[in-house]
C-alpha atoms as a PDB file:
ATOM      1  CA  MET A   1     -49.145 -93.250 -46.557  1.00  0.00           C
ATOM      2  CA  SER A   2     -51.894 -94.926 -48.518  1.00  0.00           C
ATOM      3  CA  THR A   3     -55.566 -94.651 -47.714  1.00  0.00           C
ATOM      4  CA  GLU A   4     -58.114 -97.410 -48.215  1.00  0.00           C
ATOM      5  CA  ASN A   5     -58.758 -96.326 -51.798  1.00  0.00           C
ATOM      6  CA  GLY A   6     -55.035 -96.345 -52.556  1.00  0.00           C
ATOM      7  CA  SER A   7     -54.576 -92.583 -52.739  1.00  0.00           C
ATOM      8  CA  SER A   8     -51.605 -91.001 -51.048  1.00  0.00           C
ATOM      9  CA  SER A   9     -52.227 -89.044 -47.876  1.00  0.00           C
ATOM     10  CA  SER A  10     -49.578 -87.603 -45.610  1.00  0.00           C
ATOM     11  CA  PRO A  11     -50.454 -85.976 -42.284  1.00  0.00           C
ATOM     12  CA  VAL A  12     -47.548 -83.593 -42.847  1.00  0.00           C
ATOM     13  CA  HIS A  13     -49.008 -82.319 -46.123  1.00  0.00           C
ATOM     14  CA  ASP A  14     -52.362 -81.755 -44.431  1.00  0.00           C
ATOM     15  CA  ARG A  15     -50.805 -79.210 -42.063  1.00  0.00           C
ATOM     16  CA  CYS A  16     -50.221 -75.582 -42.834  1.00  0.00           C
ATOM     17  CA  TYR A  17     -46.856 -74.169 -41.810  1.00  0.00           C
ATOM     18  CA  THR A  18     -44.625 -71.335 -42.899  1.00  0.00           C
ATOM     19  CA  PRO A  19     -42.374 -72.665 -45.657  1.00  0.00           C
ATOM     20  CA  GLY A  20     -38.614 -72.179 -45.479  1.00  0.00           C
ATOM     21  CA  PRO A  21     -35.920 -71.312 -45.828  1.00  0.00           C
ATOM     22  CA  TRP A  22     -35.859 -69.851 -42.335  1.00  0.00           C
ATOM     23  CA  THR A  23     -32.998 -67.722 -41.055  1.00  0.00           C
ATOM     24  CA  ASN A  24     -32.176 -65.081 -38.498  1.00  0.00           C
ATOM     25  CA  VAL A  25     -34.333 -62.176 -39.719  1.00  0.00           C
ATOM     26  CA  GLY A  26     -33.397 -59.672 -37.046  1.00  0.00           C
ATOM     27  CA  THR A  27     -33.034 -58.878 -33.394  1.00  0.00           C
ATOM     28  CA  SER A  28     -34.790 -56.676 -30.889  1.00  0.00           C
ATOM     29  CA  LYS A  29     -33.843 -55.407 -27.455  1.00  0.00           C
ATOM     30  CA  ARG A  30     -35.946 -56.351 -24.464  1.00  0.00           C
ATOM     31  CA  ASP A  31     -35.581 -55.547 -20.769  1.00  0.00           C
ATOM     32  CA  PHE A  32     -33.846 -58.874 -20.203  1.00  0.00           C
ATOM     33  CA  GLY A  33     -31.564 -58.804 -23.262  1.00  0.00           C
ATOM     34  CA  THR A  34     -31.518 -59.386 -26.998  1.00  0.00           C
ATOM     35  CA  VAL A  35     -34.115 -61.514 -28.748  1.00  0.00           C
ATOM     36  CA  THR A  36     -33.410 -63.053 -32.155  1.00  0.00           C
ATOM     37  CA  HIS A  37     -36.283 -63.452 -34.606  1.00  0.00           C
ATOM     38  CA  VAL A  38     -36.278 -66.529 -36.852  1.00  0.00           C
ATOM     39  CA  GLY A  39     -38.349 -67.071 -39.988  1.00  0.00           C
ATOM     40  CA  PRO A  40     -38.426 -66.569 -43.741  1.00  0.00           C
ATOM     41  CA  ALA A  41     -37.327 -63.253 -45.242  1.00  0.00           C
ATOM     42  CA  GLU A  42     -40.989 -62.401 -45.958  1.00  0.00           C
ATOM     43  CA  HIS A  43     -41.636 -62.274 -42.180  1.00  0.00           C
ATOM     44  CA  PRO A  44     -39.281 -59.564 -40.851  1.00  0.00           C
ATOM     45  CA  SER A  45     -40.579 -60.042 -37.308  1.00  0.00           C
ATOM     46  CA  GLY A  46     -39.970 -63.792 -37.617  1.00  0.00           C
ATOM     47  CA  ILE A  47     -42.196 -66.717 -36.772  1.00  0.00           C
ATOM     48  CA  CYS A  48     -40.509 -67.335 -33.438  1.00  0.00           C
ATOM     49  CA  GLU A  49     -38.220 -65.637 -30.966  1.00  0.00           C
ATOM     50  CA  VAL A  50     -35.023 -67.226 -29.680  1.00  0.00           C
ATOM     51  CA  TYR A  51     -33.463 -66.541 -26.307  1.00  0.00           C
ATOM     52  CA  GLY A  52     -30.401 -67.997 -24.639  1.00  0.00           C
ATOM     53  CA  SER A  53     -28.389 -67.863 -21.463  1.00  0.00           C
ATOM     54  CA  THR A  54     -25.068 -67.837 -23.339  1.00  0.00           C
ATOM     55  CA  ASP A  55     -23.907 -66.286 -26.624  1.00  0.00           C
ATOM     56  CA  GLU A  56     -23.679 -69.709 -28.275  1.00  0.00           C
ATOM     57  CA  GLU A  57     -27.031 -71.109 -27.133  1.00  0.00           C
ATOM     58  CA  PRO A  58     -29.223 -68.840 -29.321  1.00  0.00           C
ATOM     59  CA  LYS A  59     -27.000 -69.549 -32.343  1.00  0.00           C
ATOM     60  CA  ALA A  60     -27.435 -73.300 -31.877  1.00  0.00           C
ATOM     61  CA  ASN A  61     -31.196 -72.923 -31.323  1.00  0.00           C
ATOM     62  CA  ILE A  62     -31.524 -70.728 -34.423  1.00  0.00           C
ATOM     63  CA  ALA A  63     -29.695 -73.314 -36.542  1.00  0.00           C
ATOM     64  CA  LEU A  64     -31.966 -76.090 -35.285  1.00  0.00           C
ATOM     65  CA  ILE A  65     -35.183 -74.114 -35.740  1.00  0.00           C
ATOM     66  CA  ALA A  66     -34.151 -72.802 -39.156  1.00  0.00           C
ATOM     67  CA  SER A  67     -33.426 -76.332 -40.347  1.00  0.00           C
ATOM     68  CA  ALA A  68     -36.960 -77.568 -39.547  1.00  0.00           C
ATOM     69  CA  PRO A  69     -38.253 -77.305 -43.155  1.00  0.00           C
ATOM     70  CA  ASP A  70     -35.164 -79.163 -44.422  1.00  0.00           C
ATOM     71  CA  LEU A  71     -35.497 -81.860 -41.764  1.00  0.00           C
ATOM     72  CA  LEU A  72     -39.169 -82.271 -42.634  1.00  0.00           C
ATOM     73  CA  ARG A  73     -38.363 -82.613 -46.351  1.00  0.00           C
ATOM     74  CA  ALA A  74     -35.633 -85.185 -45.678  1.00  0.00           C
ATOM     75  CA  CYS A  75     -38.013 -87.241 -43.519  1.00  0.00           C
ATOM     76  CA  GLU A  76     -40.738 -87.017 -46.174  1.00  0.00           C
ATOM     77  CA  MET A  77     -38.296 -88.235 -48.834  1.00  0.00           C
ATOM     78  CA  LEU A  78     -37.249 -91.189 -46.689  1.00  0.00           C
ATOM     79  CA  LEU A  79     -40.890 -92.093 -46.079  1.00  0.00           C
ATOM     80  CA  GLU A  80     -41.667 -91.852 -49.810  1.00  0.00           C
ATOM     81  CA  TRP A  81     -38.730 -94.120 -50.573  1.00  0.00           C
ATOM     82  CA  HIS A  82     -39.832 -96.595 -47.932  1.00  0.00           C
ATOM     83  CA  GLU A  83     -43.471 -96.666 -49.039  1.00  0.00           C
ATOM     84  CA  TYR A  84     -43.328 -96.325 -52.792  1.00  0.00           C
ATOM     85  CA  GLY A  85     -39.970 -97.658 -53.940  1.00  0.00           C
ATOM     86  CA  GLY A  86     -39.551 -96.829 -57.610  1.00  0.00           C
ATOM     87  CA  ASP A  87     -35.897 -96.329 -58.452  1.00  0.00           C
ATOM     88  CA  ALA A  88     -35.023 -97.362 -54.931  1.00  0.00           C
ATOM     89  CA  VAL A  89     -31.284 -96.730 -55.152  1.00  0.00           C
ATOM     90  CA  GLN A  90     -31.665 -93.211 -56.551  1.00  0.00           C
ATOM     91  CA  MET A  91     -34.500 -92.317 -54.162  1.00  0.00           C
ATOM     92  CA  LEU A  92     -32.483 -93.555 -51.201  1.00  0.00           C
ATOM     93  CA  ASP A  93     -29.377 -91.666 -52.353  1.00  0.00           C
ATOM     94  CA  ASP A  94     -31.428 -88.472 -52.742  1.00  0.00           C
ATOM     95  CA  SER A  95     -33.094 -88.987 -49.368  1.00  0.00           C
ATOM     96  CA  VAL A  96     -29.801 -89.562 -47.570  1.00  0.00           C
ATOM     97  CA  TRP A  97     -28.263 -86.502 -49.268  1.00  0.00           C
ATOM     98  CA  GLU A  98     -31.206 -84.324 -48.116  1.00  0.00           C
ATOM     99  CA  ALA A  99     -30.938 -85.770 -44.611  1.00  0.00           C
ATOM    100  CA  ARG A 100     -27.188 -85.006 -44.460  1.00  0.00           C
ATOM    101  CA  LYS A 101     -27.750 -81.405 -45.576  1.00  0.00           C
ATOM    102  CA  ALA A 102     -30.556 -80.969 -43.047  1.00  0.00           C
ATOM    103  CA  VAL A 103     -28.483 -82.347 -40.168  1.00  0.00           C
ATOM    104  CA  LEU A 104     -25.538 -80.103 -41.079  1.00  0.00           C
ATOM    105  CA  ARG A 105     -27.829 -77.082 -41.188  1.00  0.00           C
ATOM    106  CA  ALA A 106     -29.378 -78.053 -37.838  1.00  0.00           C
ATOM    107  CA  ARG A 107     -25.876 -78.168 -36.383  1.00  0.00           C
ATOM    108  CA  GLY A 108     -25.102 -74.728 -37.796  1.00  0.00           C
ATOM    109  CA  VAL A 109     -22.448 -76.007 -40.200  1.00  0.00           C
END
């Protein structure tokens, strides 16, 4: 996004978040069952906890949460392509490739 003086400013870049890749970094037992911790390897306790009512639900939630940095990057690439052009064909190809990888990761594939 361009500001009035023409410089690039993205609200996403102005935020501070824990960079990926995020994965299942461990589990812990609680009174109500097992909790899975998701985050980067540098955060052994994770940045979030995932629960589920079935065995498959936490796995699907983990895949979606863990793919957040990839999904963000794919969206940023698409926005850059849309706003700045350049080698439009190559930028679009790269953006679509990143989006495909992110969607597959979100689906746990």
